[in-house]
Amino acid sequence: MTRRAVRGAVLPLLLLAVWEIVSKAGWADPRILPPLEQVARTAWHQATEEGLAYHLAASLFRDMAGFLIGATLGIAAVTALGLSRTADRLFTPSFN
């Protein structure tokens, strides 16, 4: 590992260590800050038995559909503002 990679890993590892200490010492409610092994167990269970990939794909599809709708409407609005002086005079003050 390069020196830069080691420096970049220090903060995440420190945060994980603090998380483990706080959860093991009982200083935080386990419903809010569960132990790391419980998080790993749940992640593995979700990935292997609960269809995590399917649910992630469904969420990604919804995100992309929303982006495409918004981008299409945005491009149409900007095109209308660029081509029509009337639209520009009516709507540009609201955008600005």
PDB file of N, CA and C in Angstrom:
ATOM      1  N   MET A   1       0.849  -1.189   0.000  1.00  0.00           N
ATOM      2  CA  MET A   1       0.000   0.000   0.000  1.00  0.00           C
ATOM      3  C   MET A   1       0.883   1.237   0.000  1.00  0.00           C
ATOM      4  N   THR A   2       0.414   2.231  -0.676  1.00  0.00           N
ATOM      5  CA  THR A   2       1.162   3.480  -0.693  1.00  0.00           C
ATOM      6  C   THR A   2       0.873   4.271   0.574  1.00  0.00           C
ATOM      7  N   ARG A   3       1.756   5.210   0.820  1.00  0.00           N
ATOM      8  CA  ARG A   3       1.599   6.044   2.014  1.00  0.00           C
ATOM      9  C   ARG A   3       0.278   6.818   1.976  1.00  0.00           C
ATOM     10  N   ARG A   4      -0.111   7.268   0.776  1.00  0.00           N
ATOM     11  CA  ARG A   4      -1.356   8.029   0.624  1.00  0.00           C
ATOM     12  C   ARG A   4      -2.574   7.154   0.943  1.00  0.00           C
ATOM     13  N   ALA A   5      -2.550   5.902   0.499  1.00  0.00           N
ATOM     14  CA  ALA A   5      -3.659   4.990   0.778  1.00  0.00           C
ATOM     15  C   ALA A   5      -3.771   4.721   2.270  1.00  0.00           C
ATOM     16  N   VAL A   6      -2.638   4.579   2.939  1.00  0.00           N
ATOM     17  CA  VAL A   6      -2.658   4.342   4.386  1.00  0.00           C
ATOM     18  C   VAL A   6      -3.240   5.551   5.103  1.00  0.00           C
ATOM     19  N   ARG A   7      -2.805   6.744   4.696  1.00  0.00           N
ATOM     20  CA  ARG A   7      -3.364   7.959   5.328  1.00  0.00           C
ATOM     21  C   ARG A   7      -4.853   8.070   5.077  1.00  0.00           C
ATOM     22  N   GLY A   8      -5.300   7.670   3.875  1.00  0.00           N
ATOM     23  CA  GLY A   8      -6.723   7.735   3.557  1.00  0.00           C
ATOM     24  C   GLY A   8      -7.554   6.737   4.336  1.00  0.00           C
ATOM     25  N   ALA A   9      -6.932   5.656   4.806  1.00  0.00           N
ATOM     26  CA  ALA A   9      -7.663   4.626   5.540  1.00  0.00           C
ATOM     27  C   ALA A   9      -7.732   4.915   7.034  1.00  0.00           C
ATOM     28  N   VAL A  10      -6.946   5.848   7.524  1.00  0.00           N
ATOM     29  CA  VAL A  10      -6.880   6.092   8.968  1.00  0.00           C
ATOM     30  C   VAL A  10      -8.225   6.532   9.535  1.00  0.00           C
ATOM     31  N   LEU A  11      -8.858   7.543   8.947  1.00  0.00           N
ATOM     32  CA  LEU A  11     -10.115   8.056   9.490  1.00  0.00           C
ATOM     33  C   LEU A  11     -11.233   7.018   9.449  1.00  0.00           C
ATOM     34  N   PRO A  12     -11.463   6.323   8.318  1.00  0.00           N
ATOM     35  CA  PRO A  12     -12.521   5.306   8.338  1.00  0.00           C
ATOM     36  C   PRO A  12     -12.260   4.205   9.366  1.00  0.00           C
ATOM     37  N   LEU A  13     -11.021   3.765   9.500  1.00  0.00           N
ATOM     38  CA  LEU A  13     -10.708   2.727  10.487  1.00  0.00           C
ATOM     39  C   LEU A  13     -10.892   3.244  11.910  1.00  0.00           C
ATOM     40  N   LEU A  14     -10.521   4.493  12.140  1.00  0.00           N
ATOM     41  CA  LEU A  14     -10.720   5.094  13.455  1.00  0.00           C
ATOM     42  C   LEU A  14     -12.209   5.191  13.789  1.00  0.00           C
ATOM     43  N   LEU A  15     -13.023   5.599  12.820  1.00  0.00           N
ATOM     44  CA  LEU A  15     -14.470   5.682  13.051  1.00  0.00           C
ATOM     45  C   LEU A  15     -15.071   4.303  13.330  1.00  0.00           C
ATOM     46  N   LEU A  16     -14.620   3.283  12.606  1.00  0.00           N
ATOM     47  CA  LEU A  16     -15.099   1.921  12.858  1.00  0.00           C
ATOM     48  C   LEU A  16     -14.694   1.450  14.247  1.00  0.00           C
ATOM     49  N   ALA A  17     -13.479   1.772  14.677  1.00  0.00           N
ATOM     50  CA  ALA A  17     -13.016   1.386  16.012  1.00  0.00           C
ATOM     51  C   ALA A  17     -13.857   2.071  17.090  1.00  0.00           C
ATOM     52  N   VAL A  18     -14.123   3.360  16.911  1.00  0.00           N
ATOM     53  CA  VAL A  18     -14.957   4.087  17.887  1.00  0.00           C
ATOM     54  C   VAL A  18     -16.365   3.500  17.914  1.00  0.00           C
ATOM     55  N   TRP A  19     -16.910   3.179  16.742  1.00  0.00           N
ATOM     56  CA  TRP A  19     -18.237   2.559  16.658  1.00  0.00           C
ATOM     57  C   TRP A  19     -18.253   1.257  17.454  1.00  0.00           C
ATOM     58  N   GLU A  20     -17.236   0.416  17.255  1.00  0.00           N
ATOM     59  CA  GLU A  20     -17.177  -0.874  17.948  1.00  0.00           C
ATOM     60  C   GLU A  20     -17.058  -0.685  19.454  1.00  0.00           C
ATOM     61  N   ILE A  21     -16.222   0.230  19.875  1.00  0.00           N
ATOM     62  CA  ILE A  21     -16.038   0.474  21.313  1.00  0.00           C
ATOM     63  C   ILE A  21     -17.328   0.980  21.939  1.00  0.00           C
ATOM     64  N   VAL A  22     -17.970   1.937  21.292  1.00  0.00           N
ATOM     65  CA  VAL A  22     -19.205   2.520  21.830  1.00  0.00           C
ATOM     66  C   VAL A  22     -20.314   1.474  21.897  1.00  0.00           C
ATOM     67  N   SER A  23     -20.443   0.653  20.864  1.00  0.00           N
ATOM     68  CA  SER A  23     -21.511  -0.351  20.868  1.00  0.00           C
ATOM     69  C   SER A  23     -21.231  -1.472  21.864  1.00  0.00           C
ATOM     70  N   LYS A  24     -19.984  -1.901  21.982  1.00  0.00           N
ATOM     71  CA  LYS A  24     -19.646  -2.976  22.925  1.00  0.00           C
ATOM     72  C   LYS A  24     -19.736  -2.507  24.380  1.00  0.00           C
ATOM     73  N   ALA A  25     -19.400  -1.247  24.633  1.00  0.00           N
ATOM     74  CA  ALA A  25     -19.445  -0.717  25.993  1.00  0.00           C
ATOM     75  C   ALA A  25     -20.863  -0.411  26.443  1.00  0.00           C
ATOM     76  N   GLY A  26     -21.809  -0.411  25.498  1.00  0.00           N
ATOM     77  CA  GLY A  26     -23.189  -0.125  25.844  1.00  0.00           C
ATOM     78  C   GLY A  26     -23.465   1.350  26.033  1.00  0.00           C
ATOM     79  N   TRP A  27     -22.643   2.195  25.463  1.00  0.00           N
ATOM     80  CA  TRP A  27     -22.817   3.637  25.611  1.00  0.00           C
ATOM     81  C   TRP A  27     -23.868   4.194  24.672  1.00  0.00           C
ATOM     82  N   ALA A  28     -24.319   3.390  23.727  1.00  0.00           N
ATOM     83  CA  ALA A  28     -25.342   3.839  22.776  1.00  0.00           C
ATOM     84  C   ALA A  28     -26.420   2.769  22.683  1.00  0.00           C
ATOM     85  N   ASP A  29     -27.615   3.198  22.398  1.00  0.00           N
ATOM     86  CA  ASP A  29     -28.725   2.273  22.218  1.00  0.00           C
ATOM     87  C   ASP A  29     -28.436   1.367  21.025  1.00  0.00           C
ATOM     88  N   PRO A  30     -28.489   0.038  21.194  1.00  0.00           N
ATOM     89  CA  PRO A  30     -28.167  -0.864  20.089  1.00  0.00           C
ATOM     90  C   PRO A  30     -29.124  -0.749  18.903  1.00  0.00           C
ATOM     91  N   ARG A  31     -30.294  -0.157  19.101  1.00  0.00           N
ATOM     92  CA  ARG A  31     -31.198   0.072  17.973  1.00  0.00           C
ATOM     93  C   ARG A  31     -30.684   1.195  17.087  1.00  0.00           C
ATOM     94  N   ILE A  32     -29.892   2.097  17.660  1.00  0.00           N
ATOM     95  CA  ILE A  32     -29.349   3.221  16.909  1.00  0.00           C
ATOM     96  C   ILE A  32     -27.940   2.905  16.405  1.00  0.00           C
ATOM     97  N   LEU A  33     -27.131   2.284  17.234  1.00  0.00           N
ATOM     98  CA  LEU A  33     -25.749   1.971  16.873  1.00  0.00           C
ATOM     99  C   LEU A  33     -25.468   0.507  17.218  1.00  0.00           C
ATOM    100  N   PRO A  34     -25.909  -0.417  16.348  1.00  0.00           N
ATOM    101  CA  PRO A  34     -25.699  -1.838  16.621  1.00  0.00           C
ATOM    102  C   PRO A  34     -24.236  -2.221  16.461  1.00  0.00           C
ATOM    103  N   PRO A  35     -23.827  -3.324  17.067  1.00  0.00           N
ATOM    104  CA  PRO A  35     -22.445  -3.784  16.895  1.00  0.00           C
ATOM    105  C   PRO A  35     -22.147  -4.093  15.426  1.00  0.00           C
ATOM    106  N   LEU A  36     -20.888  -3.938  15.052  1.00  0.00           N
ATOM    107  CA  LEU A  36     -20.492  -4.134  13.664  1.00  0.00           C
ATOM    108  C   LEU A  36     -20.795  -5.541  13.155  1.00  0.00           C
ATOM    109  N   GLU A  37     -20.604  -6.549  14.020  1.00  0.00           N
ATOM    110  CA  GLU A  37     -20.877  -7.914  13.547  1.00  0.00           C
ATOM    111  C   GLU A  37     -22.356  -8.125  13.250  1.00  0.00           C
ATOM    112  N   GLN A  38     -23.234  -7.448  13.967  1.00  0.00           N
ATOM    113  CA  GLN A  38     -24.662  -7.552  13.673  1.00  0.00           C
ATOM    114  C   GLN A  38     -24.976  -6.884  12.334  1.00  0.00           C
ATOM    115  N   VAL A  39     -24.336  -5.766  12.058  1.00  0.00           N
ATOM    116  CA  VAL A  39     -24.523  -5.089  10.776  1.00  0.00           C
ATOM    117  C   VAL A  39     -24.033  -5.988   9.644  1.00  0.00           C
ATOM    118  N   ALA A  40     -22.875  -6.607   9.827  1.00  0.00           N
ATOM    119  CA  ALA A  40     -22.322  -7.492   8.799  1.00  0.00           C
ATOM    120  C   ALA A  40     -23.218  -8.707   8.586  1.00  0.00           C
ATOM    121  N   ARG A  41     -23.716  -9.283   9.678  1.00  0.00           N
ATOM    122  CA  ARG A  41     -24.619 -10.437   9.578  1.00  0.00           C
ATOM    123  C   ARG A  41     -25.889 -10.073   8.819  1.00  0.00           C
ATOM    124  N   THR A  42     -26.466  -8.941   9.150  1.00  0.00           N
ATOM    125  CA  THR A  42     -27.687  -8.494   8.481  1.00  0.00           C
ATOM    126  C   THR A  42     -27.429  -8.205   7.009  1.00  0.00           C
ATOM    127  N   ALA A  43     -26.301  -7.575   6.706  1.00  0.00           N
ATOM    128  CA  ALA A  43     -25.963  -7.286   5.311  1.00  0.00           C
ATOM    129  C   ALA A  43     -25.800  -8.581   4.525  1.00  0.00           C
ATOM    130  N   TRP A  44     -25.123  -9.566   5.112  1.00  0.00           N
ATOM    131  CA  TRP A  44     -24.943 -10.849   4.430  1.00  0.00           C
ATOM    132  C   TRP A  44     -26.287 -11.542   4.212  1.00  0.00           C
ATOM    133  N   HIS A  45     -27.141 -11.519   5.219  1.00  0.00           N
ATOM    134  CA  HIS A  45     -28.469 -12.141   5.111  1.00  0.00           C
ATOM    135  C   HIS A  45     -29.293 -11.468   4.014  1.00  0.00           C
ATOM    136  N   GLN A  46     -29.278 -10.147   3.996  1.00  0.00           N
ATOM    137  CA  GLN A  46     -30.021  -9.412   2.975  1.00  0.00           C
ATOM    138  C   GLN A  46     -29.487  -9.721   1.580  1.00  0.00           C
ATOM    139  N   ALA A  47     -28.167  -9.795   1.454  1.00  0.00           N
ATOM    140  CA  ALA A  47     -27.557 -10.021   0.142  1.00  0.00           C
ATOM    141  C   ALA A  47     -27.789 -11.434  -0.365  1.00  0.00           C
ATOM    142  N   THR A  48     -27.817 -12.405   0.542  1.00  0.00           N
ATOM    143  CA  THR A  48     -27.907 -13.802   0.098  1.00  0.00           C
ATOM    144  C   THR A  48     -29.319 -14.362   0.106  1.00  0.00           C
ATOM    145  N   GLU A  49     -30.174 -13.896   1.003  1.00  0.00           N
ATOM    146  CA  GLU A  49     -31.479 -14.533   1.153  1.00  0.00           C
ATOM    147  C   GLU A  49     -32.681 -13.626   0.921  1.00  0.00           C
ATOM    148  N   GLU A  50     -32.502 -12.347   0.964  1.00  0.00           N
ATOM    149  CA  GLU A  50     -33.644 -11.436   0.891  1.00  0.00           C
ATOM    150  C   GLU A  50     -33.760 -10.711  -0.450  1.00  0.00           C
ATOM    151  N   GLY A  51     -32.919 -11.024  -1.408  1.00  0.00           N
ATOM    152  CA  GLY A  51     -33.032 -10.395  -2.723  1.00  0.00           C
ATOM    153  C   GLY A  51     -32.598  -8.950  -2.744  1.00  0.00           C
ATOM    154  N   LEU A  52     -31.509  -8.638  -2.076  1.00  0.00           N
ATOM    155  CA  LEU A  52     -31.023  -7.263  -2.014  1.00  0.00           C
ATOM    156  C   LEU A  52     -30.751  -6.699  -3.412  1.00  0.00           C
ATOM    157  N   ALA A  53     -30.164  -7.511  -4.283  1.00  0.00           N
ATOM    158  CA  ALA A  53     -29.841  -7.033  -5.636  1.00  0.00           C
ATOM    159  C   ALA A  53     -31.110  -6.629  -6.387  1.00  0.00           C
ATOM    160  N   TYR A  54     -32.171  -7.403  -6.236  1.00  0.00           N
ATOM    161  CA  TYR A  54     -33.443  -7.068  -6.896  1.00  0.00           C
ATOM    162  C   TYR A  54     -33.975  -5.725  -6.400  1.00  0.00           C
ATOM    163  N   HIS A  55     -33.947  -5.529  -5.086  1.00  0.00           N
ATOM    164  CA  HIS A  55     -34.466  -4.289  -4.512  1.00  0.00           C
ATOM    165  C   HIS A  55     -33.596  -3.090  -4.886  1.00  0.00           C
ATOM    166  N   LEU A  56     -32.279  -3.296  -4.928  1.00  0.00           N
ATOM    167  CA  LEU A  56     -31.396  -2.213  -5.370  1.00  0.00           C
ATOM    168  C   LEU A  56     -31.652  -1.854  -6.833  1.00  0.00           C
ATOM    169  N   ALA A  57     -31.862  -2.868  -7.658  1.00  0.00           N
ATOM    170  CA  ALA A  57     -32.145  -2.621  -9.078  1.00  0.00           C
ATOM    171  C   ALA A  57     -33.465  -1.869  -9.240  1.00  0.00           C
ATOM    172  N   ALA A  58     -34.477  -2.233  -8.451  1.00  0.00           N
ATOM    173  CA  ALA A  58     -35.765  -1.531  -8.528  1.00  0.00           C
ATOM    174  C   ALA A  58     -35.604  -0.069  -8.112  1.00  0.00           C
ATOM    175  N   SER A  59     -34.826   0.191  -7.063  1.00  0.00           N
ATOM    176  CA  SER A  59     -34.593   1.573  -6.632  1.00  0.00           C
ATOM    177  C   SER A  59     -33.822   2.354  -7.684  1.00  0.00           C
ATOM    178  N   LEU A  60     -32.819   1.717  -8.268  1.00  0.00           N
ATOM    179  CA  LEU A  60     -32.046   2.382  -9.311  1.00  0.00           C
ATOM    180  C   LEU A  60     -32.922   2.706 -10.516  1.00  0.00           C
ATOM    181  N   PHE A  61     -33.818   1.807 -10.864  1.00  0.00           N
ATOM    182  CA  PHE A  61     -34.732   2.063 -11.977  1.00  0.00           C
ATOM    183  C   PHE A  61     -35.604   3.283 -11.687  1.00  0.00           C
ATOM    184  N   ARG A  62     -36.149   3.373 -10.475  1.00  0.00           N
ATOM    185  CA  ARG A  62     -36.976   4.534 -10.107  1.00  0.00           C
ATOM    186  C   ARG A  62     -36.156   5.817 -10.141  1.00  0.00           C
ATOM    187  N   ASP A  63     -34.930   5.756  -9.640  1.00  0.00           N
ATOM    188  CA  ASP A  63     -34.064   6.940  -9.677  1.00  0.00           C
ATOM    189  C   ASP A  63     -33.789   7.384 -11.103  1.00  0.00           C
ATOM    190  N   MET A  64     -33.472   6.441 -11.960  1.00  0.00           N
ATOM    191  CA  MET A  64     -33.171   6.775 -13.353  1.00  0.00           C
ATOM    192  C   MET A  64     -34.416   7.291 -14.080  1.00  0.00           C
ATOM    193  N   ALA A  65     -35.574   6.718 -13.787  1.00  0.00           N
ATOM    194  CA  ALA A  65     -36.807   7.198 -14.417  1.00  0.00           C
ATOM    195  C   ALA A  65     -37.081   8.644 -13.996  1.00  0.00           C
ATOM    196  N   GLY A  66     -36.901   8.943 -12.715  1.00  0.00           N
ATOM    197  CA  GLY A  66     -37.088  10.315 -12.245  1.00  0.00           C
ATOM    198  C   GLY A  66     -36.099  11.278 -12.872  1.00  0.00           C
ATOM    199  N   PHE A  67     -34.842  10.834 -12.987  1.00  0.00           N
ATOM    200  CA  PHE A  67     -33.835  11.678 -13.630  1.00  0.00           C
ATOM    201  C   PHE A  67     -34.189  11.952 -15.080  1.00  0.00           C
ATOM    202  N   LEU A  68     -34.605  10.924 -15.808  1.00  0.00           N
ATOM    203  CA  LEU A  68     -34.948  11.109 -17.219  1.00  0.00           C
ATOM    204  C   LEU A  68     -36.145  12.029 -17.397  1.00  0.00           C
ATOM    205  N   ILE A  69     -37.155  11.899 -16.537  1.00  0.00           N
ATOM    206  CA  ILE A  69     -38.317  12.789 -16.612  1.00  0.00           C
ATOM    207  C   ILE A  69     -37.882  14.227 -16.332  1.00  0.00           C
ATOM    208  N   GLY A  70     -37.111  14.428 -15.265  1.00  0.00           N
ATOM    209  CA  GLY A  70     -36.652  15.773 -14.922  1.00  0.00           C
ATOM    210  C   GLY A  70     -35.747  16.378 -15.983  1.00  0.00           C
ATOM    211  N   ALA A  71     -34.838  15.568 -16.513  1.00  0.00           N
ATOM    212  CA  ALA A  71     -33.931  16.067 -17.549  1.00  0.00           C
ATOM    213  C   ALA A  71     -34.700  16.438 -18.809  1.00  0.00           C
ATOM    214  N   THR A  72     -35.667  15.613 -19.179  1.00  0.00           N
ATOM    215  CA  THR A  72     -36.463  15.902 -20.375  1.00  0.00           C
ATOM    216  C   THR A  72     -37.246  17.192 -20.211  1.00  0.00           C
ATOM    217  N   LEU A  73     -37.899  17.347 -19.063  1.00  0.00           N
ATOM    218  CA  LEU A  73     -38.653  18.586 -18.827  1.00  0.00           C
ATOM    219  C   LEU A  73     -37.727  19.794 -18.759  1.00  0.00           C
ATOM    220  N   GLY A  74     -36.553  19.631 -18.141  1.00  0.00           N
ATOM    221  CA  GLY A  74     -35.599  20.735 -18.055  1.00  0.00           C
ATOM    222  C   GLY A  74     -35.086  21.150 -19.415  1.00  0.00           C
ATOM    223  N   ILE A  75     -34.743  20.175 -20.244  1.00  0.00           N
ATOM    224  CA  ILE A  75     -34.253  20.495 -21.591  1.00  0.00           C
ATOM    225  C   ILE A  75     -35.354  21.161 -22.411  1.00  0.00           C
ATOM    226  N   ALA A  76     -36.589  20.689 -22.271  1.00  0.00           N
ATOM    227  CA  ALA A  76     -37.700  21.300 -22.993  1.00  0.00           C
ATOM    228  C   ALA A  76     -37.914  22.740 -22.539  1.00  0.00           C
ATOM    229  N   ALA A  77     -37.835  22.989 -21.231  1.00  0.00           N
ATOM    230  CA  ALA A  77     -38.039  24.345 -20.719  1.00  0.00           C
ATOM    231  C   ALA A  77     -36.937  25.280 -21.187  1.00  0.00           C
ATOM    232  N   VAL A  78     -35.690  24.823 -21.133  1.00  0.00           N
ATOM    233  CA  VAL A  78     -34.580  25.670 -21.563  1.00  0.00           C
ATOM    234  C   VAL A  78     -34.651  25.939 -23.059  1.00  0.00           C
ATOM    235  N   THR A  79     -35.046  24.943 -23.819  1.00  0.00           N
ATOM    236  CA  THR A  79     -35.203  25.139 -25.256  1.00  0.00           C
ATOM    237  C   THR A  79     -36.281  26.174 -25.538  1.00  0.00           C
ATOM    238  N   ALA A  80     -37.396  26.092 -24.828  1.00  0.00           N
ATOM    239  CA  ALA A  80     -38.474  27.067 -25.014  1.00  0.00           C
ATOM    240  C   ALA A  80     -38.006  28.466 -24.638  1.00  0.00           C
ATOM    241  N   LEU A  81     -37.249  28.580 -23.543  1.00  0.00           N
ATOM    242  CA  LEU A  81     -36.739  29.900 -23.150  1.00  0.00           C
ATOM    243  C   LEU A  81     -35.748  30.449 -24.162  1.00  0.00           C
ATOM    244  N   GLY A  82     -34.956  29.559 -24.754  1.00  0.00           N
ATOM    245  CA  GLY A  82     -33.967  30.009 -25.719  1.00  0.00           C
ATOM    246  C   GLY A  82     -34.564  30.385 -27.058  1.00  0.00           C
ATOM    247  N   LEU A  83     -35.663  29.770 -27.433  1.00  0.00           N
ATOM    248  CA  LEU A  83     -36.246  30.006 -28.748  1.00  0.00           C
ATOM    249  C   LEU A  83     -37.382  31.029 -28.753  1.00  0.00           C
ATOM    250  N   SER A  84     -37.960  31.293 -27.611  1.00  0.00           N
ATOM    251  CA  SER A  84     -39.124  32.176 -27.560  1.00  0.00           C
ATOM    252  C   SER A  84     -38.825  33.389 -26.677  1.00  0.00           C
ATOM    253  N   ARG A  85     -38.897  34.562 -27.282  1.00  0.00           N
ATOM    254  CA  ARG A  85     -38.688  35.783 -26.496  1.00  0.00           C
ATOM    255  C   ARG A  85     -39.802  35.965 -25.463  1.00  0.00           C
ATOM    256  N   THR A  86     -41.018  35.584 -25.829  1.00  0.00           N
ATOM    257  CA  THR A  86     -42.150  35.708 -24.903  1.00  0.00           C
ATOM    258  C   THR A  86     -41.933  34.817 -23.682  1.00  0.00           C
ATOM    259  N   ALA A  87     -41.561  33.555 -23.914  1.00  0.00           N
ATOM    260  CA  ALA A  87     -41.297  32.636 -22.797  1.00  0.00           C
ATOM    261  C   ALA A  87     -40.143  33.152 -21.948  1.00  0.00           C
ATOM    262  N   ASP A  88     -39.140  33.703 -22.609  1.00  0.00           N
ATOM    263  CA  ASP A  88     -37.994  34.243 -21.881  1.00  0.00           C
ATOM    264  C   ASP A  88     -38.418  35.395 -20.966  1.00  0.00           C
ATOM    265  N   ARG A  89     -39.210  36.308 -21.495  1.00  0.00           N
ATOM    266  CA  ARG A  89     -39.677  37.449 -20.690  1.00  0.00           C
ATOM    267  C   ARG A  89     -40.599  37.008 -19.562  1.00  0.00           C
ATOM    268  N   LEU A  90     -41.421  35.959 -19.808  1.00  0.00           N
ATOM    269  CA  LEU A  90     -42.359  35.515 -18.772  1.00  0.00           C
ATOM    270  C   LEU A  90     -41.695  34.705 -17.649  1.00  0.00           C
ATOM    271  N   PHE A  91     -40.776  33.848 -18.015  1.00  0.00           N
ATOM    272  CA  PHE A  91     -40.277  32.867 -17.033  1.00  0.00           C
ATOM    273  C   PHE A  91     -38.877  33.131 -16.490  1.00  0.00           C
ATOM    274  N   THR A  92     -38.040  33.845 -17.213  1.00  0.00           N
ATOM    275  CA  THR A  92     -36.679  34.078 -16.741  1.00  0.00           C
ATOM    276  C   THR A  92     -36.640  34.821 -15.408  1.00  0.00           C
ATOM    277  N   PRO A  93     -37.478  35.834 -15.166  1.00  0.00           N
ATOM    278  CA  PRO A  93     -37.439  36.479 -13.846  1.00  0.00           C
ATOM    279  C   PRO A  93     -37.717  35.494 -12.699  1.00  0.00           C
ATOM    280  N   SER A  94     -38.581  34.536 -12.920  1.00  0.00           N
ATOM    281  CA  SER A  94     -38.845  33.554 -11.861  1.00  0.00           C
ATOM    282  C   SER A  94     -37.634  32.662 -11.621  1.00  0.00           C
ATOM    283  N   PHE A  95     -36.938  32.291 -12.692  1.00  0.00           N
ATOM    284  CA  PHE A  95     -35.753  31.456 -12.539  1.00  0.00           C
ATOM    285  C   PHE A  95     -34.594  32.210 -11.898  1.00  0.00           C
ATOM    286  N   ASN A  96     -34.522  33.476 -12.208  1.00  0.00           N
ATOM    287  CA  ASN A  96     -33.429  34.275 -11.640  1.00  0.00           C
ATOM    288  C   ASN A  96     -33.717  34.618 -10.196  1.00  0.00           C
TER     289      ASN A  96
END
